[in-house]
Amino acid sequence: MIRIAARPATTSLSTHADCHTTPHIETPEERTRRIWRGADAVAFDVDSTVCQDEAIDELANYLGVGEAVANVTRQAMNGNARF
């Protein structure tokens, strides 16, 4: 089993000066990151077996590397990638 330890949680009220500030409200992206970091395992349907989306493309776009992944995919589909 591979396990990656999550970073320690931080709070927005870390010092006395912060006592009168509004507590941090977790954004959807922060919530997603927190959940992923705490997961023991993650499974992907990357070849559209269960879902209709191309999960690798969707994940790559979400992470901001969609074009790079598309280039690698094109190379592999054309037989130009070494494994």
N, C-alpha and C. Protein backbone atom coordinates (compact mmCIF):
# COMPACT_ATOMS: atom_id res chain seq x y z
N MET A 1 0.85 -1.18 0.00
CA MET A 1 0.00 0.00 0.00
C MET A 1 0.89 1.23 0.00
N ILE A 2 0.57 2.20 -0.82
CA ILE A 2 1.26 3.47 -0.85
C ILE A 2 0.41 4.48 -0.11
N ARG A 3 1.02 5.19 0.79
CA ARG A 3 0.28 6.20 1.53
C ARG A 3 1.09 7.49 1.54
N ILE A 4 0.46 8.57 1.19
CA ILE A 4 1.11 9.87 1.20
C ILE A 4 0.51 10.66 2.34
N ALA A 5 1.37 11.11 3.23
CA ALA A 5 0.88 11.85 4.39
C ALA A 5 0.39 13.22 3.97
N ALA A 6 -0.71 13.62 4.55
CA ALA A 6 -1.27 14.95 4.28
C ALA A 6 -0.48 15.98 5.05
N ARG A 7 -0.40 17.16 4.51
CA ARG A 7 0.25 18.26 5.21
C ARG A 7 -0.56 18.63 6.44
N PRO A 8 0.11 19.13 7.48
CA PRO A 8 -0.64 19.54 8.67
C PRO A 8 -1.65 20.63 8.32
N ALA A 9 -2.80 20.53 8.92
CA ALA A 9 -3.84 21.53 8.69
C ALA A 9 -3.44 22.85 9.35
N THR A 10 -3.80 23.93 8.71
CA THR A 10 -3.56 25.25 9.29
C THR A 10 -4.89 25.92 9.52
N THR A 11 -4.92 26.81 10.46
CA THR A 11 -6.15 27.54 10.73
C THR A 11 -5.94 29.00 10.40
N SER A 12 -7.02 29.68 10.15
CA SER A 12 -6.91 31.10 9.83
C SER A 12 -6.77 31.94 11.09
N LEU A 13 -7.00 31.37 12.25
CA LEU A 13 -6.90 32.11 13.50
C LEU A 13 -5.65 31.68 14.26
N SER A 14 -4.49 31.86 13.63
CA SER A 14 -3.27 31.32 14.18
C SER A 14 -2.57 32.23 15.19
N THR A 15 -2.87 33.51 15.20
CA THR A 15 -2.22 34.41 16.14
C THR A 15 -3.27 35.24 16.86
N HIS A 16 -2.85 35.87 17.94
CA HIS A 16 -3.75 36.72 18.71
C HIS A 16 -4.31 37.85 17.86
N ALA A 17 -3.50 38.36 16.94
CA ALA A 17 -3.95 39.46 16.08
C ALA A 17 -5.11 39.04 15.19
N ASP A 18 -5.24 37.75 14.95
CA ASP A 18 -6.31 37.25 14.09
C ASP A 18 -7.63 37.04 14.82
N CYS A 19 -7.68 37.26 16.10
CA CYS A 19 -8.86 36.94 16.90
C CYS A 19 -10.13 37.63 16.43
N HIS A 20 -10.00 38.76 15.77
CA HIS A 20 -11.19 39.51 15.37
C HIS A 20 -11.48 39.38 13.88
N THR A 21 -10.87 38.40 13.24
CA THR A 21 -11.12 38.20 11.81
C THR A 21 -12.18 37.12 11.61
N THR A 22 -12.73 37.12 10.44
CA THR A 22 -13.73 36.12 10.08
C THR A 22 -13.02 34.80 9.80
N PRO A 23 -13.52 33.69 10.32
CA PRO A 23 -12.89 32.39 10.04
C PRO A 23 -12.88 32.11 8.54
N HIS A 24 -11.87 31.40 8.11
CA HIS A 24 -11.72 31.04 6.70
C HIS A 24 -12.84 30.07 6.29
N ILE A 25 -13.49 30.34 5.19
CA ILE A 25 -14.51 29.45 4.64
C ILE A 25 -13.86 28.66 3.51
N GLU A 26 -13.92 27.36 3.59
CA GLU A 26 -13.27 26.48 2.63
C GLU A 26 -13.95 26.57 1.26
N THR A 27 -13.15 26.81 0.23
CA THR A 27 -13.67 26.85 -1.14
C THR A 27 -13.85 25.43 -1.66
N PRO A 28 -14.63 25.25 -2.73
CA PRO A 28 -14.77 23.91 -3.30
C PRO A 28 -13.41 23.30 -3.69
N GLU A 29 -12.52 24.11 -4.23
CA GLU A 29 -11.20 23.60 -4.61
C GLU A 29 -10.41 23.15 -3.38
N GLU A 30 -10.44 23.95 -2.31
CA GLU A 30 -9.75 23.57 -1.08
C GLU A 30 -10.33 22.29 -0.50
N ARG A 31 -11.65 22.16 -0.54
CA ARG A 31 -12.31 20.95 -0.03
C ARG A 31 -11.87 19.74 -0.85
N THR A 32 -11.83 19.90 -2.17
CA THR A 32 -11.40 18.80 -3.03
C THR A 32 -9.98 18.39 -2.71
N ARG A 33 -9.09 19.38 -2.58
CA ARG A 33 -7.69 19.08 -2.26
C ARG A 33 -7.57 18.37 -0.91
N ARG A 34 -8.34 18.82 0.09
CA ARG A 34 -8.30 18.20 1.42
C ARG A 34 -8.76 16.75 1.34
N ILE A 35 -9.82 16.50 0.60
CA ILE A 35 -10.32 15.13 0.46
C ILE A 35 -9.30 14.25 -0.24
N TRP A 36 -8.71 14.74 -1.33
CA TRP A 36 -7.72 13.95 -2.06
C TRP A 36 -6.52 13.64 -1.19
N ARG A 37 -6.06 14.62 -0.44
CA ARG A 37 -4.88 14.40 0.41
C ARG A 37 -5.15 13.38 1.51
N GLY A 38 -6.39 13.26 1.93
CA GLY A 38 -6.73 12.32 2.99
C GLY A 38 -7.15 10.95 2.50
N ALA A 39 -7.21 10.77 1.19
CA ALA A 39 -7.69 9.50 0.63
C ALA A 39 -6.64 8.40 0.76
N ASP A 40 -7.09 7.21 1.10
CA ASP A 40 -6.20 6.05 1.14
C ASP A 40 -5.97 5.48 -0.26
N ALA A 41 -6.95 5.66 -1.12
CA ALA A 41 -6.83 5.15 -2.49
C ALA A 41 -7.75 5.97 -3.39
N VAL A 42 -7.36 6.08 -4.64
CA VAL A 42 -8.17 6.77 -5.64
C VAL A 42 -8.19 5.89 -6.89
N ALA A 43 -9.35 5.68 -7.45
CA ALA A 43 -9.48 4.87 -8.66
C ALA A 43 -10.02 5.74 -9.79
N PHE A 44 -9.51 5.53 -10.98
CA PHE A 44 -9.94 6.29 -12.14
C PHE A 44 -10.45 5.35 -13.23
N ASP A 45 -11.49 5.75 -13.89
CA ASP A 45 -11.98 5.07 -15.08
C ASP A 45 -11.43 5.89 -16.25
N VAL A 46 -10.18 5.63 -16.63
CA VAL A 46 -9.52 6.50 -17.60
C VAL A 46 -9.84 6.16 -19.05
N ASP A 47 -10.45 5.02 -19.29
CA ASP A 47 -10.72 4.65 -20.68
C ASP A 47 -12.21 4.60 -21.00
N SER A 48 -13.00 5.34 -20.25
CA SER A 48 -14.44 5.48 -20.49
C SER A 48 -15.20 4.15 -20.39
N THR A 49 -14.76 3.27 -19.51
CA THR A 49 -15.46 2.00 -19.31
C THR A 49 -16.79 2.21 -18.60
N VAL A 50 -16.77 3.02 -17.56
CA VAL A 50 -17.97 3.26 -16.76
C VAL A 50 -18.59 4.61 -17.11
N CYS A 51 -17.77 5.64 -17.16
CA CYS A 51 -18.29 6.97 -17.49
C CYS A 51 -18.00 7.28 -18.95
N GLN A 52 -18.63 8.30 -19.47
CA GLN A 52 -18.45 8.64 -20.88
C GLN A 52 -17.34 9.66 -21.11
N ASP A 53 -16.86 10.29 -20.05
CA ASP A 53 -15.79 11.28 -20.19
C ASP A 53 -14.43 10.59 -20.24
N GLU A 54 -13.48 11.23 -20.88
CA GLU A 54 -12.10 10.76 -20.85
C GLU A 54 -11.47 11.33 -19.58
N ALA A 55 -11.35 10.52 -18.55
CA ALA A 55 -10.92 11.00 -17.24
C ALA A 55 -9.52 11.59 -17.25
N ILE A 56 -8.62 11.02 -18.03
CA ILE A 56 -7.27 11.58 -18.09
C ILE A 56 -7.32 13.00 -18.62
N ASP A 57 -8.09 13.22 -19.67
CA ASP A 57 -8.21 14.57 -20.23
C ASP A 57 -8.84 15.53 -19.24
N GLU A 58 -9.89 15.09 -18.56
CA GLU A 58 -10.56 15.94 -17.58
C GLU A 58 -9.64 16.29 -16.43
N LEU A 59 -8.92 15.30 -15.91
CA LEU A 59 -7.99 15.55 -14.80
C LEU A 59 -6.86 16.47 -15.26
N ALA A 60 -6.34 16.23 -16.44
CA ALA A 60 -5.26 17.07 -16.97
C ALA A 60 -5.72 18.52 -17.13
N ASN A 61 -6.92 18.72 -17.66
CA ASN A 61 -7.45 20.08 -17.80
C ASN A 61 -7.61 20.74 -16.44
N TYR A 62 -8.12 19.99 -15.47
CA TYR A 62 -8.31 20.52 -14.11
C TYR A 62 -6.98 20.96 -13.51
N LEU A 63 -5.92 20.21 -13.81
CA LEU A 63 -4.60 20.52 -13.26
C LEU A 63 -3.83 21.51 -14.12
N GLY A 64 -4.42 21.95 -15.24
CA GLY A 64 -3.77 22.95 -16.08
C GLY A 64 -2.72 22.40 -17.03
N VAL A 65 -2.73 21.10 -17.28
CA VAL A 65 -1.76 20.49 -18.19
C VAL A 65 -2.44 19.73 -19.32
N GLY A 66 -3.63 20.17 -19.68
CA GLY A 66 -4.42 19.48 -20.69
C GLY A 66 -3.73 19.36 -22.03
N GLU A 67 -3.12 20.43 -22.50
CA GLU A 67 -2.47 20.40 -23.81
C GLU A 67 -1.27 19.46 -23.81
N ALA A 68 -0.49 19.46 -22.75
CA ALA A 68 0.66 18.56 -22.66
C ALA A 68 0.22 17.10 -22.68
N VAL A 69 -0.83 16.78 -21.96
CA VAL A 69 -1.34 15.40 -21.94
C VAL A 69 -1.91 15.04 -23.31
N ALA A 70 -2.58 15.97 -23.95
CA ALA A 70 -3.12 15.72 -25.30
C ALA A 70 -1.99 15.42 -26.28
N ASN A 71 -0.86 16.13 -26.16
CA ASN A 71 0.29 15.88 -27.03
C ASN A 71 0.85 14.47 -26.81
N VAL A 72 1.00 14.07 -25.55
CA VAL A 72 1.50 12.73 -25.24
C VAL A 72 0.54 11.67 -25.77
N THR A 73 -0.75 11.91 -25.60
CA THR A 73 -1.76 10.97 -26.10
C THR A 73 -1.67 10.82 -27.61
N ARG A 74 -1.54 11.95 -28.32
CA ARG A 74 -1.41 11.90 -29.78
C ARG A 74 -0.18 11.09 -30.19
N GLN A 75 0.95 11.35 -29.52
CA GLN A 75 2.18 10.61 -29.84
C GLN A 75 1.99 9.11 -29.62
N ALA A 76 1.36 8.75 -28.51
CA ALA A 76 1.14 7.33 -28.20
C ALA A 76 0.19 6.69 -29.21
N MET A 77 -0.87 7.39 -29.57
CA MET A 77 -1.84 6.84 -30.52
C MET A 77 -1.24 6.67 -31.91
N ASN A 78 -0.24 7.50 -32.23
CA ASN A 78 0.44 7.41 -33.53
C ASN A 78 1.63 6.45 -33.50
N GLY A 79 1.86 5.80 -32.36
CA GLY A 79 2.97 4.86 -32.24
C GLY A 79 4.31 5.52 -32.07
N ASN A 80 4.34 6.78 -31.67
CA ASN A 80 5.59 7.52 -31.53
C ASN A 80 6.06 7.68 -30.09
N ALA A 81 5.49 6.93 -29.17
CA ALA A 81 5.88 7.05 -27.76
C ALA A 81 6.53 5.75 -27.31
N ARG A 82 7.63 5.88 -26.57
CA ARG A 82 8.31 4.70 -26.03
C ARG A 82 7.83 4.48 -24.60
N PHE A 83 7.62 3.24 -24.25
CA PHE A 83 7.17 2.90 -22.90
C PHE A 83 8.23 2.10 -22.19
